[in-house]
N, C-alpha and C. Protein backbone atom coordinates (compact mmCIF):
# COMPACT_ATOMS: atom_id res chain seq x y z
N UNK A 1 6.84 -12.25 -20.29
CA UNK A 1 5.33 -11.98 -20.75
C UNK A 1 4.51 -13.24 -20.14
N UNK A 2 4.81 -14.28 -19.86
CA UNK A 2 3.46 -15.42 -19.17
C UNK A 2 3.63 -14.72 -17.85
N UNK A 3 4.39 -14.77 -16.99
CA UNK A 3 4.11 -14.29 -15.98
C UNK A 3 2.82 -12.82 -15.69
N UNK A 4 3.27 -12.07 -16.94
CA UNK A 4 1.86 -11.34 -16.61
C UNK A 4 0.96 -11.68 -17.15
N UNK A 5 0.59 -12.81 -18.14
CA UNK A 5 -0.86 -13.59 -18.43
C UNK A 5 -1.31 -13.89 -17.37
N UNK A 6 -0.42 -14.71 -16.31
CA UNK A 6 -0.65 -15.75 -15.29
C UNK A 6 -1.40 -14.78 -14.33
N UNK A 7 -0.96 -13.45 -13.88
CA UNK A 7 -1.28 -12.53 -12.92
C UNK A 7 -2.86 -11.63 -13.46
N UNK A 8 -2.64 -11.54 -14.79
CA UNK A 8 -3.82 -10.55 -15.25
C UNK A 8 -5.24 -10.99 -14.89
N UNK A 9 -5.94 -12.21 -14.77
CA UNK A 9 -6.91 -12.62 -14.60
C UNK A 9 -7.37 -11.87 -12.56
N UNK A 10 -6.21 -12.32 -12.11
CA UNK A 10 -6.40 -12.10 -10.89
C UNK A 10 -6.51 -10.39 -10.69
N UNK A 11 -5.71 -9.80 -11.13
CA UNK A 11 -5.70 -8.20 -10.94
C UNK A 11 -6.65 -8.04 -11.46
N UNK A 12 -7.72 -8.54 -12.58
CA UNK A 12 -8.37 -7.69 -12.82
C UNK A 12 -9.90 -7.80 -11.63
N UNK A 13 -9.63 -9.48 -10.94
CA UNK A 13 -10.87 -9.69 -10.23
C UNK A 13 -10.58 -8.63 -9.07
N UNK A 14 -9.36 -8.00 -8.84
CA UNK A 14 -9.16 -7.38 -7.72
C UNK A 14 -9.59 -6.19 -7.63
N UNK A 15 -9.46 -5.54 -9.19
CA UNK A 15 -9.79 -4.15 -9.54
C UNK A 15 -11.35 -3.77 -9.24
N UNK A 16 -12.21 -5.48 -9.57
CA UNK A 16 -13.60 -5.11 -9.93
C UNK A 16 -13.89 -4.71 -8.15
N UNK A 17 -13.24 -5.28 -7.03
CA UNK A 17 -13.67 -5.71 -5.64
C UNK A 17 -13.08 -4.18 -5.28
N UNK A 18 -12.02 -3.37 -5.72
CA UNK A 18 -11.96 -2.39 -5.22
C UNK A 18 -12.89 -1.32 -5.91
N UNK A 19 -13.10 -1.56 -6.89
CA UNK A 19 -13.95 -0.30 -7.41
C UNK A 19 -14.89 -0.42 -6.74
N UNK A 20 -16.19 -1.64 -6.46
CA UNK A 20 -16.96 -1.71 -5.68
C UNK A 20 -17.05 -1.27 -4.13
N UNK A 21 -15.38 -0.62 -3.62
CA UNK A 21 -15.83 -0.28 -2.36
C UNK A 21 -15.32 -1.35 -1.45
N UNK A 22 -14.38 -2.57 -2.08
CA UNK A 22 -13.68 -3.70 -1.05
C UNK A 22 -12.65 -3.46 -0.57
N UNK A 23 -12.80 -4.95 0.05
CA UNK A 23 -11.18 -5.20 0.97
C UNK A 23 -10.69 -5.77 0.41
N UNK A 24 -9.49 -6.01 -0.03
CA UNK A 24 -8.24 -7.26 -0.79
C UNK A 24 -7.70 -7.76 -0.02
N UNK A 25 -6.87 -9.04 -0.13
CA UNK A 25 -6.11 -9.18 0.74
C UNK A 25 -4.50 -9.87 -0.27
N UNK A 26 -3.70 -9.26 -0.34
CA UNK A 26 -2.73 -9.28 -1.47
C UNK A 26 -1.56 -9.17 -1.06
N UNK A 27 -0.59 -10.04 -2.01
CA UNK A 27 0.93 -9.62 -1.65
C UNK A 27 1.42 -8.06 -2.03
N UNK A 28 2.19 -7.70 -1.53
CA UNK A 28 2.97 -6.72 -1.87
C UNK A 28 4.30 -6.67 -2.16
N UNK A 29 4.96 -5.81 -2.59
CA UNK A 29 6.25 -6.28 -3.08
C UNK A 29 7.28 -6.46 -1.21
N UNK A 30 6.58 -6.29 0.06
CA UNK A 30 7.25 -6.55 0.67
C UNK A 30 6.49 -7.89 1.70
N UNK A 31 5.23 -7.73 2.28
CA UNK A 31 4.49 -8.73 2.99
C UNK A 31 3.02 -8.24 2.64
N UNK A 32 2.28 -9.20 3.34
CA UNK A 32 1.17 -9.39 2.70
C UNK A 32 0.15 -8.13 3.51
N UNK A 33 -0.71 -7.55 2.61
CA UNK A 33 -1.48 -6.71 3.02
C UNK A 33 -2.90 -6.95 2.78
N UNK A 34 -3.46 -6.04 3.54
CA UNK A 34 -4.80 -5.82 3.05
C UNK A 34 -5.10 -4.32 2.79
N UNK A 35 -5.78 -4.33 1.59
CA UNK A 35 -5.65 -3.00 0.55
C UNK A 35 -7.11 -2.64 0.33
N UNK A 36 -7.58 -1.52 0.14
CA UNK A 36 -8.88 -0.83 -0.56
C UNK A 36 -8.45 0.38 -1.72
N UNK A 37 -9.37 1.00 -1.95
CA UNK A 37 -9.39 2.28 -2.97
C UNK A 37 -8.96 3.29 -1.83
N UNK A 38 -8.00 3.90 -2.26
CA UNK A 38 -7.33 4.92 -0.93
C UNK A 38 -8.40 6.41 -0.77
N UNK A 39 -8.95 6.39 -2.29
CA UNK A 39 -10.06 7.47 -2.12
C UNK A 39 -11.10 7.49 -1.51
N UNK A 40 -11.25 5.96 -1.76
CA UNK A 40 -12.93 5.60 -0.55
C UNK A 40 -12.67 5.64 0.91
N UNK A 41 -13.65 6.55 0.90
CA UNK A 41 -13.64 6.88 2.64
C UNK A 41 -14.75 5.65 3.34
N UNK A 42 -15.32 4.98 2.87
CA UNK A 42 -15.74 3.90 3.48
C UNK A 42 -15.06 2.77 3.29
N UNK A 43 -14.07 2.54 2.29
CA UNK A 43 -13.35 1.33 2.13
C UNK A 43 -12.40 1.27 3.35
N UNK A 44 -11.91 2.81 3.12
CA UNK A 44 -10.59 2.85 4.14
C UNK A 44 -11.57 2.78 5.58
N UNK A 45 -12.33 2.65 5.94
CA UNK A 45 -12.86 2.56 7.06
C UNK A 45 -13.81 1.11 7.58
N UNK A 46 -13.54 0.28 6.42
CA UNK A 46 -14.12 -1.03 6.83
C UNK A 46 -12.54 -1.74 7.16
N UNK A 47 -11.24 -1.09 6.60
CA UNK A 47 -9.91 -1.79 6.57
C UNK A 47 -9.84 -1.04 8.41
N UNK A 48 -10.36 -0.28 8.99
CA UNK A 48 -9.72 0.30 10.10
C UNK A 48 -10.49 -0.94 10.80
N UNK A 49 -11.80 -1.13 10.52
CA UNK A 49 -12.60 -1.96 11.49
C UNK A 49 -12.47 -3.60 11.49
N UNK A 50 -11.45 -3.71 10.19
CA UNK A 50 -11.28 -4.99 10.63
C UNK A 50 -10.47 -5.63 10.97
N UNK A 51 -9.27 -4.44 11.26
CA UNK A 51 -8.12 -4.27 11.95
C UNK A 51 -8.32 -4.28 13.35
N UNK A 52 -9.20 -4.17 13.78
CA UNK A 52 -9.06 -3.30 14.92
C UNK A 52 -8.43 -2.56 15.21
N UNK A 53 -7.66 -1.19 14.38
CA UNK A 53 -7.00 -0.10 14.59
C UNK A 53 -7.42 0.87 15.10
N UNK A 54 -6.39 1.44 15.22
CA UNK A 54 -6.73 2.61 16.12
C UNK A 54 -6.90 3.67 15.04
N UNK A 55 -7.47 4.74 14.85
CA UNK A 55 -7.90 5.44 14.14
C UNK A 55 -6.66 6.35 13.72
N UNK A 56 -5.77 6.85 14.59
CA UNK A 56 -4.83 7.54 14.80
C UNK A 56 -3.58 6.92 14.26
N UNK A 57 -3.44 5.81 14.04
CA UNK A 57 -2.49 5.17 13.54
C UNK A 57 -2.10 5.09 11.56
N UNK A 58 -1.63 5.42 11.30
CA UNK A 58 -1.15 5.59 9.65
C UNK A 58 -0.90 4.93 8.75
N UNK A 59 -1.63 5.00 7.64
CA UNK A 59 -2.02 3.97 6.42
C UNK A 59 -0.28 4.60 5.61
N UNK A 60 -0.04 3.48 4.99
CA UNK A 60 0.58 3.52 3.60
C UNK A 60 -0.47 3.69 2.50
N UNK A 61 0.42 4.06 1.59
CA UNK A 61 -0.72 4.04 0.25
C UNK A 61 0.62 3.80 -0.86
N UNK A 62 -0.22 2.56 -1.81
CA UNK A 62 0.86 2.34 -3.04
C UNK A 62 0.16 3.04 -4.47
N UNK A 63 1.40 3.64 -5.22
CA UNK A 63 1.12 4.21 -6.17
C UNK A 63 1.93 3.70 -7.11
N UNK A 64 1.30 3.68 -8.77
CA UNK A 64 2.21 3.18 -9.63
C UNK A 64 3.37 3.72 -9.98
N UNK A 65 3.85 4.96 -10.33
CA UNK A 65 4.97 5.43 -10.50
C UNK A 65 4.98 7.57 -10.24
N UNK A 66 6.08 8.09 -10.38
CA UNK A 66 5.77 9.45 -9.89
C UNK A 66 4.91 10.10 -11.00
N UNK A 67 4.50 9.75 -11.63
CA UNK A 67 3.24 10.65 -11.90
C UNK A 67 2.01 10.22 -11.48
N UNK A 68 1.42 9.26 -11.00
CA UNK A 68 0.69 8.77 -9.88
C UNK A 68 1.14 9.62 -8.73
N UNK A 69 1.91 9.60 -8.67
CA UNK A 69 2.68 10.24 -6.82
C UNK A 69 2.04 11.48 -7.10
N UNK A 70 2.77 12.30 -8.09
CA UNK A 70 2.43 14.01 -8.37
C UNK A 70 0.53 13.63 -8.02
N UNK A 71 -0.06 13.26 -8.29
CA UNK A 71 -1.37 13.49 -7.77
C UNK A 71 -2.22 13.32 -6.47
N UNK A 72 -1.21 13.08 -5.57
CA UNK A 72 -1.56 12.70 -4.15
C UNK A 72 -0.61 12.96 -3.16
N UNK A 73 0.31 14.05 -3.55
CA UNK A 73 1.06 14.98 -2.75
C UNK A 73 1.02 16.46 -3.18
N UNK A 74 1.17 17.35 -2.60
CA UNK A 74 1.27 19.05 -2.74
C UNK A 74 2.43 19.11 -4.07
N UNK A 75 3.68 18.50 -3.40
CA UNK A 75 4.73 18.79 -4.22
C UNK A 75 5.67 17.50 -4.04
N UNK A 76 6.31 16.86 -4.69
CA UNK A 76 7.60 15.94 -4.42
C UNK A 76 8.78 16.57 -4.77
N UNK A 77 9.19 16.75 -3.65
CA UNK A 77 10.59 16.64 -3.36
C UNK A 77 12.09 16.61 -3.87
N UNK A 78 12.75 17.12 -5.06
CA UNK A 78 14.10 16.70 -5.58
C UNK A 78 14.49 15.41 -4.91
N UNK A 79 14.65 15.54 -3.26
CA UNK A 79 15.25 14.46 -2.73
C UNK A 79 15.00 13.24 -2.91
N UNK A 80 13.22 13.56 -2.83
CA UNK A 80 12.52 11.90 -2.96
C UNK A 80 13.31 11.36 -4.36
N UNK A 81 13.10 11.78 -5.38
CA UNK A 81 13.28 11.48 -6.74
C UNK A 81 14.48 10.75 -6.16
N UNK A 82 15.70 10.84 -6.00
CA UNK A 82 16.75 10.90 -5.70
C UNK A 82 16.95 9.46 -5.14
N UNK A 83 16.24 9.70 -4.03
CA UNK A 83 15.93 8.49 -2.76
C UNK A 83 15.33 7.09 -3.46
N UNK A 84 14.37 7.37 -4.42
CA UNK A 84 13.77 6.35 -5.13
C UNK A 84 14.84 5.59 -6.24
N UNK A 85 15.16 6.61 -6.69
CA UNK A 85 16.38 5.92 -7.73
C UNK A 85 17.89 4.97 -6.66
N UNK A 86 17.82 5.56 -5.47
CA UNK A 86 18.78 4.91 -5.30
C UNK A 86 18.76 3.43 -4.44
N UNK A 87 17.61 3.37 -4.29
CA UNK A 87 16.96 2.67 -3.14
C UNK A 87 17.38 1.36 -3.87
N UNK A 88 17.81 0.43 -2.49
CA UNK A 88 17.88 -0.86 -3.21
C UNK A 88 16.92 -2.08 -2.47
N UNK A 89 16.47 -1.18 -1.86
CA UNK A 89 15.20 -2.37 -1.40
C UNK A 89 14.18 -1.46 -1.24
N UNK A 90 12.48 -2.09 -0.67
CA UNK A 90 11.39 -1.13 -0.94
C UNK A 90 11.47 -0.04 -0.04
N UNK A 91 11.39 1.04 -0.43
CA UNK A 91 11.30 2.39 0.47
C UNK A 91 9.83 2.95 0.31
N UNK A 92 9.45 3.58 1.69
CA UNK A 92 8.18 3.96 1.87
C UNK A 92 8.84 5.54 2.03
N UNK A 93 8.14 6.23 1.53
CA UNK A 93 8.38 8.04 2.23
C UNK A 93 7.53 9.01 2.30
N UNK A 94 7.70 9.22 3.20
CA UNK A 94 6.42 9.84 4.11
C UNK A 94 6.63 11.73 3.69
N UNK A 95 5.67 11.86 2.76
CA UNK A 95 5.40 13.00 2.15
C UNK A 95 4.74 14.37 3.08
N UNK A 96 4.86 15.45 2.95
CA UNK A 96 4.43 16.62 3.97
C UNK A 96 3.30 16.80 3.63
N UNK A 97 2.87 16.87 2.47
CA UNK A 97 1.25 17.30 2.03
C UNK A 97 0.58 16.36 1.21
N UNK A 98 -0.42 15.28 1.38
CA UNK A 98 -1.06 14.30 0.87
C UNK A 98 -2.34 15.23 0.80
N UNK A 99 -2.60 14.96 -0.39
CA UNK A 99 -4.38 15.60 -0.95
C UNK A 99 -4.81 14.19 -2.11
N UNK A 100 -5.99 14.51 -2.21
CA UNK A 100 -7.08 13.79 -3.21
C UNK A 100 -7.34 12.36 -2.29
N UNK A 101 -7.22 12.00 -1.24
CA UNK A 101 -7.47 11.03 -0.92
C UNK A 101 -8.11 10.53 0.29
N UNK A 102 -8.40 9.56 0.68
CA UNK A 102 -9.68 9.94 1.82
C UNK A 102 -9.10 10.27 3.57
N UNK A 103 -10.42 10.85 3.98
CA UNK A 103 -9.71 11.91 5.15
C UNK A 103 -9.06 10.80 6.42
N UNK A 104 -9.03 9.63 6.27
CA UNK A 104 -8.38 8.63 7.47
C UNK A 104 -7.08 8.66 6.61
N UNK A 105 -6.64 8.31 5.44
CA UNK A 105 -5.67 8.15 5.06
C UNK A 105 -3.69 9.23 5.77
N UNK A 106 -4.53 10.00 5.25
CA UNK A 106 -3.33 11.06 6.26
C UNK A 106 -3.42 11.14 7.07
N UNK A 107 -1.80 11.84 7.75
CA UNK A 107 -1.81 11.70 9.88
C UNK A 107 -2.71 13.26 9.75
N UNK A 108 -3.04 13.32 10.92
CA UNK A 108 -3.11 14.87 11.68
C UNK A 108 -2.53 15.65 10.86
N UNK A 109 -1.04 15.64 10.96
CA UNK A 109 -0.12 17.03 10.39
C UNK A 109 -0.47 16.90 8.97
N UNK A 110 -0.92 16.47 8.38
CA UNK A 110 -1.26 16.49 6.61
C UNK A 110 -0.35 15.53 5.88
N UNK A 111 0.58 14.67 6.67
CA UNK A 111 1.73 14.13 5.86
C UNK A 111 1.19 12.61 5.29
N UNK A 112 1.51 11.85 4.16
CA UNK A 112 1.21 10.84 3.82
C UNK A 112 2.50 9.87 3.75
N UNK A 113 1.95 8.29 3.88
CA UNK A 113 3.33 7.75 3.68
C UNK A 113 2.65 7.07 2.05
N UNK A 114 3.91 6.61 1.46
CA UNK A 114 3.79 6.36 -0.11
C UNK A 114 4.45 5.53 -0.19
N UNK A 115 4.24 4.36 -1.05
CA UNK A 115 5.65 3.73 -2.07
C UNK A 115 5.08 3.32 -3.32
N UNK A 116 6.33 3.50 -4.03
CA UNK A 116 6.07 2.82 -5.61
C UNK A 116 6.18 1.58 -5.18
N UNK A 117 5.57 0.13 -5.63
CA UNK A 117 6.15 -1.12 -5.50
C UNK A 117 6.27 -1.57 -6.73
N UNK A 118 7.56 -2.42 -6.38
CA UNK A 118 7.93 -3.19 -7.54
C UNK A 118 7.57 -4.53 -8.04
N UNK A 119 6.66 -5.21 -7.56
CA UNK A 119 5.91 -6.53 -7.66
C UNK A 119 5.10 -6.03 -8.54
N UNK A 120 4.98 -7.33 -9.50
CA UNK A 120 4.25 -7.00 -10.25
C UNK A 120 2.92 -7.26 -10.46
N UNK A 121 2.31 -8.35 -9.49
CA UNK A 121 0.79 -7.90 -9.29
C UNK A 121 0.36 -6.65 -8.48
N UNK A 122 1.15 -6.11 -7.67
CA UNK A 122 0.75 -5.02 -7.44
C UNK A 122 0.75 -3.78 -8.58
N UNK A 123 1.28 -3.84 -9.25
CA UNK A 123 1.51 -2.63 -10.31
C UNK A 123 0.19 -2.91 -11.26
N UNK A 124 0.11 -3.99 -11.51
CA UNK A 124 -1.05 -4.65 -12.39
C UNK A 124 -2.56 -4.15 -11.78
N UNK A 125 -2.70 -4.32 -10.20
CA UNK A 125 -3.61 -3.61 -9.81
C UNK A 125 -3.56 -2.25 -9.98
N UNK A 126 -2.77 -1.78 -9.06
CA UNK A 126 -2.60 -0.01 -9.62
C UNK A 126 -2.92 0.69 -10.89
N UNK A 127 -2.25 -0.11 -11.62
CA UNK A 127 -2.37 0.50 -13.00
C UNK A 127 -4.06 0.65 -13.67
N UNK A 128 -4.65 -0.84 -13.25
CA UNK A 128 -5.98 -1.20 -14.28
C UNK A 128 -6.76 -0.14 -13.19
N UNK A 129 -6.78 -0.46 -11.82
CA UNK A 129 -7.71 0.39 -11.18
C UNK A 129 -7.58 2.61 -11.05
N UNK A 130 -6.47 2.68 -11.67
CA UNK A 130 -5.66 4.26 -11.84
C UNK A 130 -5.93 4.74 -10.51
N UNK A 131 -5.72 4.38 -9.37
CA UNK A 131 -6.00 5.22 -8.41
C UNK A 131 -5.17 4.52 -7.08
N UNK A 132 -4.63 5.11 -6.42
CA UNK A 132 -3.75 4.23 -5.31
C UNK A 132 -4.79 3.24 -4.43
N UNK A 133 -3.70 2.14 -4.14
CA UNK A 133 -4.16 1.27 -3.00
C UNK A 133 -3.82 1.41 -1.47
N UNK A 134 -4.50 1.68 -0.78
CA UNK A 134 -3.99 2.12 0.65
C UNK A 134 -3.49 0.63 0.80
N UNK A 135 -2.57 0.25 2.30
CA UNK A 135 -1.97 -0.94 2.18
C UNK A 135 -1.52 -0.88 3.82
N UNK A 136 -2.00 -1.79 4.41
CA UNK A 136 -1.63 -2.13 5.78
C UNK A 136 -1.61 -3.63 5.88
N UNK A 137 -0.66 -3.99 6.76
CA UNK A 137 -0.07 -5.37 7.37
C UNK A 137 -1.41 -6.46 7.28
N UNK A 138 -1.32 -7.52 6.90
CA UNK A 138 -2.51 -8.32 7.01
C UNK A 138 -2.73 -8.97 8.04
N UNK A 139 -3.15 -8.44 9.04
CA UNK A 139 -2.92 -8.85 10.65
C UNK A 139 -3.75 -8.05 11.59
N UNK A 140 -4.23 -8.29 12.39
CA UNK A 140 -4.91 -7.40 13.39
C UNK A 140 -4.05 -6.54 14.10
N UNK A 141 -4.55 -5.06 14.45
CA UNK A 141 -3.52 -4.37 15.18
C UNK A 141 -3.16 -5.09 16.74
N UNK A 142 -1.92 -5.01 16.30
CA UNK A 142 -0.92 -5.28 17.64
C UNK A 142 -0.11 -6.88 17.45
N UNK A 143 -0.48 -7.58 16.34
CA UNK A 143 -0.17 -8.61 15.92
C UNK A 143 0.73 -8.42 14.60
N UNK A 144 1.81 -9.83 15.21
CA UNK A 144 2.65 -9.98 14.26
C UNK A 144 2.47 -9.76 12.34
N UNK A 145 2.91 -8.91 11.75
CA UNK A 145 2.76 -9.08 10.33
C UNK A 145 2.96 -10.29 10.05
N UNK A 146 2.08 -10.74 9.13
CA UNK A 146 2.48 -12.36 8.04
C UNK A 146 3.44 -11.83 6.91
N UNK A 147 4.55 -12.40 6.86
CA UNK A 147 5.46 -12.12 5.95
C UNK A 147 5.41 -13.15 4.80
N UNK A 148 4.33 -13.93 4.88
CA UNK A 148 3.97 -14.93 4.07
C UNK A 148 2.39 -15.41 3.95
N UNK A 149 1.73 -15.98 2.68
CA UNK A 149 0.25 -16.53 2.89
C UNK A 149 0.08 -17.19 4.19
N UNK A 150 0.90 -18.38 4.29
CA UNK A 150 0.69 -19.37 5.45
C UNK A 150 0.89 -18.30 6.65
N UNK A 151 0.92 -17.22 6.93
CA UNK A 151 0.98 -17.18 8.16
C UNK A 151 -0.38 -16.00 8.73
N UNK A 152 -1.21 -15.98 7.69
CA UNK A 152 -2.04 -14.75 8.15
C UNK A 152 -3.33 -15.41 9.05
N UNK A 153 -3.90 -15.06 9.27
CA UNK A 153 -4.45 -15.49 10.44
C UNK A 153 -6.14 -15.86 9.99
N UNK A 154 -6.67 -16.57 9.84
CA UNK A 154 -7.99 -17.09 9.43
C UNK A 154 -8.72 -15.97 9.27
N UNK A 155 -9.31 -15.32 10.53
CA UNK A 155 -10.22 -14.28 10.79
C UNK A 155 -10.08 -13.63 9.85
N UNK A 156 -8.74 -12.89 9.13
CA UNK A 156 -8.41 -11.96 8.15
C UNK A 156 -8.93 -12.20 6.82
N UNK A 157 -8.30 -13.32 6.82
CA UNK A 157 -8.86 -14.23 5.21
C UNK A 157 -10.57 -14.42 5.29
N UNK A 158 -11.22 -14.49 6.05
CA UNK A 158 -12.72 -14.85 6.32
C UNK A 158 -13.21 -13.42 5.78
N UNK A 159 -12.72 -12.24 6.30
CA UNK A 159 -12.97 -10.96 6.18
C UNK A 159 -12.85 -9.91 5.19
N UNK A 160 -11.89 -10.63 4.60
CA UNK A 160 -11.27 -10.07 3.24
C UNK A 160 -12.48 -10.13 2.34
N UNK A 161 -12.72 -9.55 1.42
CA UNK A 161 -13.77 -9.39 0.41
C UNK A 161 -13.43 -10.09 -0.71
N UNK A 162 -11.86 -10.54 -1.08
CA UNK A 162 -11.32 -11.28 -2.39
C UNK A 162 -9.84 -11.44 -1.61
N UNK A 163 -9.42 -12.28 -1.87
CA UNK A 163 -8.27 -12.91 -1.59
C UNK A 163 -7.28 -13.11 -2.61
N UNK A 164 -6.16 -12.94 -2.62
CA UNK A 164 -5.01 -13.17 -4.22
C UNK A 164 -4.61 -14.42 -3.65
N UNK A 165 -4.71 -15.57 -4.79
CA UNK A 165 -4.04 -16.92 -4.93
C UNK A 165 -2.62 -16.35 -3.75
N UNK A 166 -1.78 -17.29 -3.10
CA UNK A 166 -0.67 -17.57 -2.76
C UNK A 166 0.21 -17.33 -3.30
N UNK A 167 0.33 -17.80 -4.59
CA UNK A 167 1.57 -18.01 -5.56
C UNK A 167 2.04 -16.83 -5.87
N UNK A 168 1.13 -15.49 -5.92
CA UNK A 168 1.36 -14.12 -6.61
C UNK A 168 2.54 -13.36 -5.50
N UNK A 169 2.52 -14.15 -4.45
CA UNK A 169 3.62 -13.54 -3.70
C UNK A 169 4.99 -13.93 -3.82
N UNK A 170 5.42 -14.32 -4.91
CA UNK A 170 6.60 -14.78 -5.52
C UNK A 170 7.24 -12.98 -5.75
N UNK A 171 8.76 -13.18 -5.46
CA UNK A 171 9.22 -11.65 -5.50
C UNK A 171 9.07 -10.53 -4.34
N UNK A 172 8.24 -11.16 -3.21
CA UNK A 172 8.07 -10.46 -2.24
C UNK A 172 9.55 -10.47 -0.98
N UNK A 173 9.36 -9.47 -0.26
CA UNK A 173 10.68 -9.56 0.22
C UNK A 173 10.30 -10.57 1.77
N UNK A 174 9.03 -10.19 1.83
CA UNK A 174 8.69 -11.03 3.34
C UNK A 174 9.27 -9.93 4.64
N UNK A 175 9.43 -8.87 4.52
CA UNK A 175 9.94 -7.84 5.07
C UNK A 175 9.62 -6.24 5.04
N UNK A 176 8.95 -5.42 6.09
CA UNK A 176 8.75 -4.70 5.79
C UNK A 176 9.45 -2.83 5.56
N UNK A 177 8.97 -2.55 4.69
CA UNK A 177 9.88 -1.52 3.98
C UNK A 177 10.09 -0.40 4.90
N UNK A 178 11.94 0.05 4.46
CA UNK A 178 12.21 1.22 4.99
C UNK A 178 11.28 2.18 5.05
N UNK A 179 11.66 3.52 5.97
CA UNK A 179 10.38 4.26 5.87
C UNK A 179 11.21 5.64 6.05
N UNK A 180 11.29 6.90 5.30
CA UNK A 180 12.20 8.01 5.96
C UNK A 180 10.79 9.21 5.17
N UNK A 181 11.29 9.70 6.06
CA UNK A 181 10.17 11.24 6.34
C UNK A 181 10.88 12.35 5.79
N UNK A 182 10.02 13.07 4.65
CA UNK A 182 10.83 14.33 4.32
C UNK A 182 9.84 15.40 4.79
N UNK A 183 11.09 16.64 5.32
CA UNK A 183 10.41 17.46 5.69
C UNK A 183 10.27 18.91 5.11
N UNK A 184 9.27 19.92 4.86
CA UNK A 184 8.78 20.93 3.98
C UNK A 184 10.64 21.59 3.37
N UNK A 185 10.90 21.30 4.36
CA UNK A 185 12.40 22.69 3.91
C UNK A 185 13.24 21.45 3.85
N UNK A 186 13.31 20.52 3.37
CA UNK A 186 14.19 19.31 2.54
C UNK A 186 15.10 18.53 3.82
N UNK A 187 14.31 18.24 4.74
CA UNK A 187 14.75 18.03 5.98
C UNK A 187 14.61 16.09 5.61
N UNK A 188 15.67 15.12 6.64
CA UNK A 188 15.24 13.75 5.74
C UNK A 188 15.64 13.03 7.38
N UNK A 189 14.11 12.24 7.15
CA UNK A 189 14.53 11.56 8.81
C UNK A 189 13.98 10.23 8.86
N UNK A 190 15.32 9.44 9.18
CA UNK A 190 14.95 7.86 8.65
C UNK A 190 13.77 7.46 10.04
N UNK A 191 13.11 6.77 9.44
CA UNK A 191 12.10 6.32 10.50
C UNK A 191 12.18 5.03 10.84
N UNK A 192 12.30 4.07 9.69
CA UNK A 192 12.67 2.62 9.83
C UNK A 192 13.36 2.09 8.83
N UNK A 193 15.08 1.57 9.23
CA UNK A 193 15.96 2.17 8.23
C UNK A 193 15.73 0.70 7.43
């Protein structure tokens, strides 16, 4: 209970920035990320420009649970639920049909990468926002992704509209998630173990 009380004021600050179309710098269950409201096209564009990222590169979206996931994919394959139940580390799943998200969030084939983070701060922000958060590593495109706050480039910190305090990274793995792609016919492809 005490940890949740400590994160609540920061989660509320982050949500205020996200609702205003801003970009936050925050810890996820894996590494530090830049995030915005995944349904806001201008906020997504802001991150693309900030990172100097090719528009063709895919993003990851964070949702709070399976119920929220159901609002942003055409269908949740049964295998997805099974994979999420047995995953012993953060798992991002690429679903064949993304819906209700900003246009640049889904890949050209319509698929979308989504993860349900276990990290308390992320969960608190997503639940308060009641929308998915776009998540991309907190680095310039092509540079090393920061495992900890201390590894984030000062340029990124200055350009974010809001930054979470470094102590909120407690519990993060410091490693990128595993990625699995699911096909419309139940195919499973391991993208990143």
